[in-house]
Amino acid sequence: MGTHNINFSEQFEFTGKVKTLSIVGIALGIAAVAYGFIAGDKVMHERTFANLLLMGYYFACVCMSGMFFLAVQYVAQAGWSASILRVPQAMAKTLPIAAVILVVIISAGLYTHNLYHHWHADGLTDPNSPNYDSLIAGKSVFLNVPFFLGRQVVFLGVYSIFAMLFVKLSYNEDLAGGLESYRKGFKNACIFLVIYGFTTPIFAFDTIMSLEAHWFSTMFGWYNFAAMWVSSLATIAIILILLRRAGYMQWVNNSHLHNLGQFIFGFSIFWTYVWFAQFLLIYYANMPEETVYFYKRFEYYKFWFFLNLAMNFLAPVLLLMDRDNKRTDVKLLFVSIVVLLGHWVDYYQMIMPGAVEDGHNGFGIVEIGTAIGFVGLFTFTVLTSLSKKPLIAKNHPLLQESLHHQL
């Protein structure tokens, strides 16, 4: 590919049908949430909060993993991705918005006792109360509201600071050229990856695993990491393919798609490995306090349990095993959409049994509307960010390698 045909000042225009649909999606989401709170009973309120938590967490995780993608490219000094970095940068730039939304959802859920009632309820830690729970009391040093919310704010705040730093360094590189910004990005990426590696399991423990505070799995953090990472890769692939179809980023070739397809393929297998290992360890240990986690999912969510495995393992593995499928935008787009929907099912399986009363596994307006609302919000915020700067990091030191990338 010759670089003389590339417009280094090309910018995405976020107008027209896509912008309108994203705003309509946000409006539908707000209406669905309002319906859940106004028209429902206690169980419906729990379902509404659970869906808000699901999508707020999903939104934040995809943006966090967009930033993780940037950090990995810096540390690996990867050249293939230099021409597509504006997409994960737009996702990273959206993280502060996603972080605020998630903290608000968690805080409201705690205040109304519609979330985390397994450890945040009256009398659980009071030995004189009829509701006293010795196991929860033993965890109260860690699972108490001030410390819990403090960790959420600190973790998401630190991630957001690094996200804005990575984006700023890339834009400075566009203006000044040279290697100074790239070297600063490399150093900060090294620091960030250490922080991220140690804190994301705790973030997953807090936000999702503590919904069922009697249960504990040391693999849960990495299970969540795999889900958020592969979801982010699928999101990047979808945005790139749709931008290329719309006439933007014509320098993105089938080899770039091949790399993303390889990552989606590989980390779908990794997700399945962690998912099955967690299941197998709990199954053969046969401890009541552990097996209850999967009992509830078999008893009340059996369809979702097996759909989760089919969408997140069978679909990407069978459809992306072939080299040509990774390089074909139609097939990669289809698999990426299946993976994104599949990890919605994955988070649904994680959250609903602990957040909603047993047996009330309803699915309807609230679930569909909340998901549409957050998809609209993600589309609006990420594409707005993407439209602010040129679509290519023109002074990235490895840009020529990316423009001539061939596999």
Protein backbone atom coordinates (compact mmCIF):
# COMPACT_ATOMS: atom_id res chain seq x y z
CA MET A 1 0.00 0.00 0.00
CA GLY A 2 1.44 3.36 -0.95
CA THR A 3 1.28 6.09 1.66
CA HIS A 4 0.92 8.82 -0.99
CA ASN A 5 -2.81 8.03 -1.25
CA ILE A 6 -3.50 8.44 2.46
CA ASN A 7 -5.18 11.57 3.80
CA PHE A 8 -3.45 12.14 7.15
CA SER A 9 -6.01 14.79 8.11
CA GLU A 10 -9.07 12.58 7.48
CA GLN A 11 -11.71 13.07 10.18
CA PHE A 12 -14.87 11.16 10.94
CA GLU A 13 -18.11 13.16 10.69
CA PHE A 14 -20.61 12.02 13.29
CA THR A 15 -23.84 13.10 11.68
CA GLY A 16 -26.93 11.69 10.03
CA LYS A 17 -28.65 8.39 10.68
CA VAL A 18 -26.04 6.94 13.08
CA LYS A 19 -26.21 9.95 15.38
CA THR A 20 -30.01 9.99 15.28
CA LEU A 21 -30.26 6.27 16.05
CA SER A 22 -27.85 6.59 18.97
CA ILE A 23 -29.97 9.37 20.50
CA VAL A 24 -33.15 7.34 19.92
CA GLY A 25 -31.45 4.38 21.62
CA ILE A 26 -30.61 6.50 24.67
CA ALA A 27 -34.22 7.71 24.84
CA LEU A 28 -35.55 4.14 24.63
CA GLY A 29 -33.18 3.10 27.40
CA ILE A 30 -34.34 5.90 29.69
CA ALA A 31 -37.97 4.96 28.98
CA ALA A 32 -37.32 1.28 29.77
CA VAL A 33 -35.60 2.12 33.07
CA ALA A 34 -38.43 4.49 34.00
CA TYR A 35 -40.94 1.76 33.21
CA GLY A 36 -39.06 -0.67 35.46
CA PHE A 37 -39.12 1.73 38.40
CA ILE A 38 -42.64 3.14 37.97
CA ALA A 39 -44.65 0.15 36.78
CA GLY A 40 -42.95 -2.63 38.73
CA ASP A 41 -42.99 -4.21 42.16
CA LYS A 42 -39.98 -4.96 44.39
CA VAL A 43 -38.73 -7.74 42.12
CA MET A 44 -39.03 -5.50 39.07
CA HIS A 45 -37.05 -2.80 40.88
CA GLU A 46 -34.32 -5.35 41.59
CA ARG A 47 -34.37 -6.42 37.93
CA THR A 48 -34.06 -2.81 36.80
CA PHE A 49 -31.11 -2.15 39.08
CA ALA A 50 -29.52 -5.43 38.02
CA ASN A 51 -29.81 -4.45 34.36
CA LEU A 52 -28.39 -1.01 35.05
CA LEU A 53 -25.47 -2.63 36.83
CA LEU A 54 -25.01 -5.12 33.99
CA MET A 55 -24.84 -2.47 31.29
CA GLY A 56 -22.98 0.09 33.39
CA TYR A 57 -20.33 -2.51 34.18
CA TYR A 58 -20.22 -3.68 30.54
CA PHE A 59 -19.85 -0.06 29.33
CA ALA A 60 -17.01 0.62 31.77
CA CYS A 61 -15.24 -2.68 31.05
CA VAL A 62 -15.21 -2.19 27.28
CA CYS A 63 -13.77 1.33 27.71
CA MET A 64 -11.23 0.08 30.26
CA SER A 65 -10.11 -2.64 27.87
CA GLY A 66 -9.78 -0.11 25.06
CA MET A 67 -7.23 1.63 27.28
CA PHE A 68 -5.63 -1.75 28.06
CA PHE A 69 -5.28 -2.30 24.29
CA LEU A 70 -3.37 0.99 24.01
CA ALA A 71 -1.07 0.09 26.90
CA VAL A 72 -0.30 -3.36 25.48
CA GLN A 73 0.59 -1.85 22.09
CA TYR A 74 2.95 0.61 23.77
CA VAL A 75 4.71 -2.02 25.88
CA ALA A 76 4.95 -4.55 23.04
CA GLN A 77 6.12 -1.76 20.71
CA ALA A 78 3.68 -3.23 18.22
CA GLY A 79 3.73 -1.78 14.72
CA TRP A 80 0.71 -3.48 13.14
CA SER A 81 -1.79 -1.49 15.20
CA ALA A 82 -0.34 2.03 14.84
CA SER A 83 -2.85 3.06 12.16
CA ILE A 84 -5.97 1.90 14.09
CA LEU A 85 -5.21 3.39 17.51
CA ARG A 86 -7.74 6.20 17.21
CA VAL A 87 -10.57 3.73 17.79
CA PRO A 88 -9.37 2.35 21.17
CA GLN A 89 -8.32 5.91 22.07
CA ALA A 90 -11.92 7.07 21.57
CA MET A 91 -13.08 4.21 23.82
CA ALA A 92 -10.49 5.15 26.46
CA LYS A 93 -11.49 8.82 26.28
CA THR A 94 -15.08 7.78 27.10
CA LEU A 95 -14.02 5.91 30.26
CA PRO A 96 -14.52 8.86 32.69
CA ILE A 97 -18.18 9.08 31.60
CA ALA A 98 -18.64 5.32 31.98
CA ALA A 99 -16.93 5.43 35.39
CA VAL A 100 -19.24 8.15 36.74
CA ILE A 101 -22.33 6.28 35.50
CA LEU A 102 -21.20 3.02 37.11
CA VAL A 103 -20.44 4.66 40.47
CA VAL A 104 -23.86 6.37 40.44
CA ILE A 105 -25.63 3.04 39.70
CA ILE A 106 -23.73 1.24 42.48
CA SER A 107 -24.34 4.05 44.97
CA ALA A 108 -28.07 4.17 44.18
CA GLY A 109 -28.30 0.38 44.44
CA LEU A 110 -26.65 0.43 47.85
CA TYR A 111 -28.80 3.31 49.08
CA THR A 112 -32.07 1.63 48.05
CA HIS A 113 -30.88 -1.87 49.08
CA ASN A 114 -31.72 -3.14 45.59
CA LEU A 115 -28.11 -4.24 45.02
CA TYR A 116 -25.58 -5.97 47.28
CA HIS A 117 -28.26 -6.90 49.82
CA HIS A 118 -26.38 -10.16 50.51
CA TRP A 119 -23.87 -8.13 52.55
CA HIS A 120 -25.48 -4.67 52.85
CA ALA A 121 -28.62 -5.29 54.88
CA ASP A 122 -29.69 -4.46 58.44
CA GLY A 123 -28.29 -6.61 61.22
CA LEU A 124 -26.00 -8.88 59.18
CA THR A 125 -22.93 -7.87 61.18
CA ASP A 126 -24.64 -7.32 64.56
CA PRO A 127 -24.30 -10.38 66.86
CA ASN A 128 -27.47 -9.31 68.71
CA SER A 129 -29.59 -9.19 65.56
CA PRO A 130 -31.78 -12.10 64.36
CA ASN A 131 -30.32 -11.41 60.87
CA TYR A 132 -26.74 -11.90 62.07
CA ASP A 133 -24.55 -13.74 59.56
CA SER A 134 -21.15 -14.78 60.90
CA LEU A 135 -19.68 -15.23 57.41
CA ILE A 136 -20.70 -11.74 56.31
CA ALA A 137 -19.53 -10.31 59.64
CA GLY A 138 -16.12 -11.86 58.99
CA LYS A 139 -15.93 -10.07 55.66
CA SER A 140 -17.22 -6.73 56.94
CA VAL A 141 -13.75 -5.19 57.22
CA PHE A 142 -13.56 -5.41 53.42
CA LEU A 143 -17.25 -5.36 52.51
CA ASN A 144 -18.50 -2.14 54.09
CA VAL A 145 -20.01 0.77 52.22
CA PRO A 146 -17.31 3.46 52.69
CA PHE A 147 -14.41 1.15 51.78
CA PHE A 148 -16.41 -0.47 48.97
CA LEU A 149 -17.33 2.83 47.31
CA GLY A 150 -13.86 4.20 48.00
CA ARG A 151 -12.28 1.35 46.04
CA GLN A 152 -14.68 1.91 43.15
CA VAL A 153 -13.84 5.61 42.98
CA VAL A 154 -10.09 5.08 43.31
CA PHE A 155 -9.84 2.26 40.77
CA LEU A 156 -12.03 3.91 38.14
CA GLY A 157 -10.43 7.29 38.84
CA VAL A 158 -6.91 5.95 38.31
CA TYR A 159 -7.96 4.14 35.13
CA SER A 160 -9.57 7.34 33.84
CA ILE A 161 -6.45 9.42 34.55
CA PHE A 162 -4.28 6.99 32.59
CA ALA A 163 -6.84 6.90 29.77
CA MET A 164 -6.75 10.68 29.37
CA LEU A 165 -2.96 10.64 29.60
CA PHE A 166 -2.58 8.10 26.78
CA VAL A 167 -4.95 10.09 24.56
CA LYS A 168 -3.17 13.37 25.34
CA LEU A 169 0.26 11.92 24.55
CA SER A 170 -0.96 10.64 21.20
CA TYR A 171 -2.43 14.02 20.27
CA ASN A 172 0.77 15.78 21.39
CA GLU A 173 2.68 13.40 19.14
CA ASP A 174 0.55 14.57 16.20
CA LEU A 175 1.53 18.17 16.88
CA ALA A 176 5.18 17.89 17.86
CA GLY A 177 6.39 14.69 16.21
CA GLY A 178 9.57 13.07 17.52
CA LEU A 179 9.83 10.27 20.06
CA GLU A 180 9.27 12.11 23.35
CA SER A 181 5.53 11.43 23.57
CA TYR A 182 5.98 7.82 22.49
CA ARG A 183 8.64 7.22 25.16
CA LYS A 184 6.43 8.78 27.84
CA GLY A 185 3.58 6.58 26.65
CA PHE A 186 5.77 3.49 26.93
CA LYS A 187 6.81 4.33 30.50
CA ASN A 188 3.28 5.14 31.62
CA ALA A 189 1.95 2.00 29.95
CA CYS A 190 4.40 -0.12 31.96
CA ILE A 191 3.20 1.50 35.19
CA PHE A 192 -0.44 1.23 34.18
CA LEU A 193 -0.28 -2.48 33.31
CA VAL A 194 1.10 -3.32 36.75
CA ILE A 195 -1.68 -1.34 38.44
CA TYR A 196 -4.32 -2.74 36.11
CA GLY A 197 -3.18 -6.33 36.57
CA PHE A 198 -3.42 -6.13 40.36
CA THR A 199 -6.63 -4.10 40.62
CA THR A 200 -8.98 -5.45 37.93
CA PRO A 201 -9.55 -8.74 39.83
CA ILE A 202 -10.46 -6.71 42.94
CA PHE A 203 -12.70 -4.48 40.81
CA ALA A 204 -14.53 -7.59 39.53
CA PHE A 205 -14.71 -9.08 43.05
CA ASP A 206 -16.32 -5.87 44.33
CA THR A 207 -18.69 -5.03 41.52
CA ILE A 208 -19.97 -8.49 40.56
CA MET A 209 -18.81 -11.27 42.89
CA SER A 210 -19.94 -9.48 46.05
CA LEU A 211 -23.53 -9.69 44.78
CA GLU A 212 -23.32 -13.22 46.23
CA ALA A 213 -21.12 -12.52 49.20
CA HIS A 214 -21.19 -16.05 50.63
CA TRP A 215 -19.48 -17.35 47.51
CA PHE A 216 -15.87 -16.83 46.50
CA SER A 217 -13.65 -17.81 43.59
CA THR A 218 -10.03 -16.77 43.10
CA MET A 219 -10.50 -17.30 39.35
CA PHE A 220 -13.39 -14.85 39.09
CA GLY A 221 -11.19 -11.81 38.42
CA TRP A 222 -9.44 -13.43 35.46
CA TYR A 223 -12.73 -14.80 34.18
CA ASN A 224 -14.01 -11.21 34.10
CA PHE A 225 -10.78 -9.92 32.60
CA ALA A 226 -11.08 -12.39 29.71
CA ALA A 227 -14.71 -11.35 29.12
CA MET A 228 -13.99 -7.62 29.11
CA TRP A 229 -10.88 -8.00 26.92
CA VAL A 230 -12.50 -10.11 24.20
CA SER A 231 -15.57 -7.83 24.24
CA SER A 232 -13.34 -4.83 23.67
CA LEU A 233 -11.52 -6.55 20.80
CA ALA A 234 -14.87 -7.37 19.19
CA THR A 235 -15.97 -3.73 19.61
CA ILE A 236 -12.79 -2.43 17.96
CA ALA A 237 -13.28 -4.85 15.06
CA ILE A 238 -16.92 -3.78 14.57
CA ILE A 239 -16.08 -0.06 14.58
CA LEU A 240 -13.18 -0.50 12.14
CA ILE A 241 -15.22 -2.60 9.71
CA LEU A 242 -18.16 -0.19 9.74
CA LEU A 243 -15.88 2.84 9.35
CA ARG A 244 -14.14 1.20 6.40
CA ARG A 245 -17.52 0.41 4.79
CA ALA A 246 -18.49 4.06 5.24
CA GLY A 247 -15.42 5.16 3.29
CA TYR A 248 -13.12 6.01 6.21
CA MET A 249 -9.76 4.47 7.20
CA GLN A 250 -9.15 2.81 3.84
CA TRP A 251 -5.62 2.01 4.97
CA VAL A 252 -7.05 -0.71 7.22
CA ASN A 253 -6.53 -3.95 5.32
CA ASN A 254 -7.41 -7.61 5.76
CA SER A 255 -4.21 -8.24 7.69
CA HIS A 256 -5.29 -5.80 10.41
CA LEU A 257 -8.62 -7.63 10.58
CA HIS A 258 -6.71 -10.93 10.70
CA ASN A 259 -4.80 -9.78 13.80
CA LEU A 260 -8.02 -8.76 15.56
CA GLY A 261 -9.63 -12.05 14.54
CA GLN A 262 -6.69 -13.97 16.00
CA PHE A 263 -7.03 -12.12 19.30
CA ILE A 264 -10.79 -12.73 19.44
CA PHE A 265 -10.25 -16.41 18.62
CA GLY A 266 -7.47 -16.88 21.18
CA PHE A 267 -9.06 -15.02 24.05
CA SER A 268 -12.42 -16.70 23.49
CA ILE A 269 -10.59 -19.96 24.15
CA PHE A 270 -8.92 -18.43 27.21
CA TRP A 271 -12.31 -17.23 28.50
CA THR A 272 -13.66 -20.76 28.08
CA TYR A 273 -10.67 -22.26 29.88
CA VAL A 274 -11.19 -20.01 32.92
CA TRP A 275 -14.97 -20.51 32.82
CA PHE A 276 -14.64 -24.30 32.75
CA ALA A 277 -11.81 -24.44 35.28
CA GLN A 278 -13.87 -22.41 37.76
CA PHE A 279 -16.87 -24.70 37.15
CA LEU A 280 -14.81 -27.91 37.41
CA LEU A 281 -13.06 -26.93 40.64
CA ILE A 282 -16.36 -26.07 42.32
CA TYR A 283 -18.09 -29.17 40.94
CA TYR A 284 -15.60 -31.75 42.18
CA ALA A 285 -15.00 -29.99 45.51
CA ASN A 286 -18.75 -30.33 46.15
CA MET A 287 -18.84 -27.78 48.97
CA PRO A 288 -22.34 -26.41 49.63
CA GLU A 289 -21.19 -22.80 49.97
CA GLU A 290 -19.51 -23.08 46.55
CA THR A 291 -21.87 -25.31 44.54
CA VAL A 292 -24.87 -23.08 45.31
CA TYR A 293 -23.45 -20.62 42.77
CA PHE A 294 -23.90 -23.07 39.90
CA TYR A 295 -27.02 -24.67 41.37
CA LYS A 296 -28.92 -21.41 40.98
CA ARG A 297 -27.73 -21.05 37.39
CA PHE A 298 -28.74 -24.61 36.52
CA GLU A 299 -32.05 -24.39 38.36
CA TYR A 300 -33.31 -20.99 37.18
CA TYR A 301 -31.09 -19.95 34.25
CA LYS A 302 -30.33 -23.21 32.43
CA PHE A 303 -31.10 -21.86 28.94
CA TRP A 304 -28.85 -18.84 29.49
CA PHE A 305 -26.13 -21.04 30.97
CA PHE A 306 -25.74 -23.12 27.80
CA LEU A 307 -26.38 -20.19 25.45
CA ASN A 308 -23.46 -18.45 27.16
CA LEU A 309 -21.11 -21.30 26.27
CA ALA A 310 -22.41 -21.60 22.70
CA MET A 311 -22.04 -17.89 21.89
CA ASN A 312 -18.74 -17.24 23.62
CA PHE A 313 -16.91 -20.45 22.78
CA LEU A 314 -18.47 -22.43 19.95
CA ALA A 315 -19.27 -19.50 17.67
CA PRO A 316 -15.87 -17.73 17.70
CA VAL A 317 -13.85 -20.95 17.69
CA LEU A 318 -15.73 -22.66 14.86
CA LEU A 319 -16.16 -19.54 12.73
CA LEU A 320 -12.71 -18.00 13.22
CA MET A 321 -10.65 -21.18 13.02
CA ASP A 322 -10.31 -20.71 9.26
CA ARG A 323 -7.73 -18.13 8.16
CA ASP A 324 -9.95 -16.65 5.46
CA ASN A 325 -12.78 -16.01 7.92
CA LYS A 326 -10.51 -13.80 10.03
CA ARG A 327 -9.68 -11.76 6.92
CA THR A 328 -13.24 -11.39 5.63
CA ASP A 329 -15.03 -8.39 7.05
CA VAL A 330 -18.52 -9.92 6.71
CA LYS A 331 -17.62 -13.00 8.74
CA LEU A 332 -15.49 -11.15 11.30
CA LEU A 333 -18.27 -8.59 11.77
CA PHE A 334 -20.82 -11.35 12.35
CA VAL A 335 -18.61 -13.16 14.90
CA SER A 336 -17.80 -9.89 16.69
CA ILE A 337 -21.51 -9.09 17.07
CA VAL A 338 -22.18 -12.63 18.36
CA VAL A 339 -19.32 -12.24 20.88
CA LEU A 340 -20.66 -8.90 22.13
CA LEU A 341 -24.15 -10.34 22.55
CA GLY A 342 -22.64 -13.46 24.10
CA HIS A 343 -20.85 -11.52 26.80
CA TRP A 344 -24.07 -9.68 27.58
CA VAL A 345 -25.44 -13.18 28.27
CA ASP A 346 -22.27 -13.89 30.28
CA TYR A 347 -22.78 -10.82 32.50
CA TYR A 348 -26.50 -11.60 32.76
CA GLN A 349 -25.51 -15.02 34.16
CA MET A 350 -23.09 -13.43 36.61
CA ILE A 351 -25.41 -10.72 37.91
CA MET A 352 -29.07 -11.77 37.86
CA PRO A 353 -29.03 -14.79 40.24
CA GLY A 354 -27.37 -12.72 42.96
CA ALA A 355 -29.18 -9.43 42.43
CA VAL A 356 -32.75 -10.69 41.92
CA GLU A 357 -34.78 -13.02 44.13
CA ASP A 358 -34.40 -16.72 43.26
CA GLY A 359 -36.70 -17.90 40.51
CA HIS A 360 -37.54 -14.42 39.19
CA ASN A 361 -35.49 -14.64 36.02
CA GLY A 362 -37.79 -12.50 33.88
CA PHE A 363 -36.75 -11.13 30.53
CA GLY A 364 -38.51 -8.37 28.67
CA ILE A 365 -38.80 -4.62 28.17
CA VAL A 366 -36.38 -3.67 30.93
CA GLU A 367 -33.59 -5.99 29.76
CA ILE A 368 -33.92 -5.13 26.06
CA GLY A 369 -34.52 -1.41 26.60
CA THR A 370 -31.63 -0.94 29.03
CA ALA A 371 -29.25 -2.71 26.66
CA ILE A 372 -30.40 -0.58 23.72
CA GLY A 373 -29.99 2.57 25.82
CA PHE A 374 -26.40 1.80 26.74
CA VAL A 375 -25.54 0.77 23.17
CA GLY A 376 -26.87 4.16 22.08
CA LEU A 377 -24.88 5.92 24.81
CA PHE A 378 -21.69 4.05 23.93
CA THR A 379 -22.15 4.81 20.24
CA PHE A 380 -22.85 8.48 20.87
CA THR A 381 -19.95 9.09 23.27
CA VAL A 382 -17.31 7.03 21.43
CA LEU A 383 -18.14 8.34 17.95
CA THR A 384 -18.32 11.91 19.27
CA SER A 385 -14.81 11.44 20.68
CA LEU A 386 -13.63 9.81 17.45
CA SER A 387 -14.84 12.78 15.40
CA LYS A 388 -12.71 15.30 17.31
CA LYS A 389 -9.29 14.38 15.88
CA PRO A 390 -7.86 12.94 12.64
CA LEU A 391 -8.41 9.19 12.24
CA ILE A 392 -4.72 8.39 12.01
CA ALA A 393 -1.84 9.07 14.40
CA LYS A 394 0.28 10.64 11.68
CA ASN A 395 3.52 10.96 13.68
CA HIS A 396 3.46 7.55 15.37
CA PRO A 397 7.01 6.17 14.96
CA LEU A 398 5.73 2.77 13.77
CA LEU A 399 3.03 4.08 11.45
CA GLN A 400 4.74 3.01 8.22
CA GLU A 401 4.95 -0.56 9.50
CA SER A 402 1.21 -0.52 10.11
CA LEU A 403 0.40 1.03 6.71
CA HIS A 404 2.36 -1.74 4.99
CA HIS A 405 1.19 -4.51 7.31
CA GLN A 406 0.77 -7.84 5.51
CA LEU A 407 0.31 -11.35 6.87
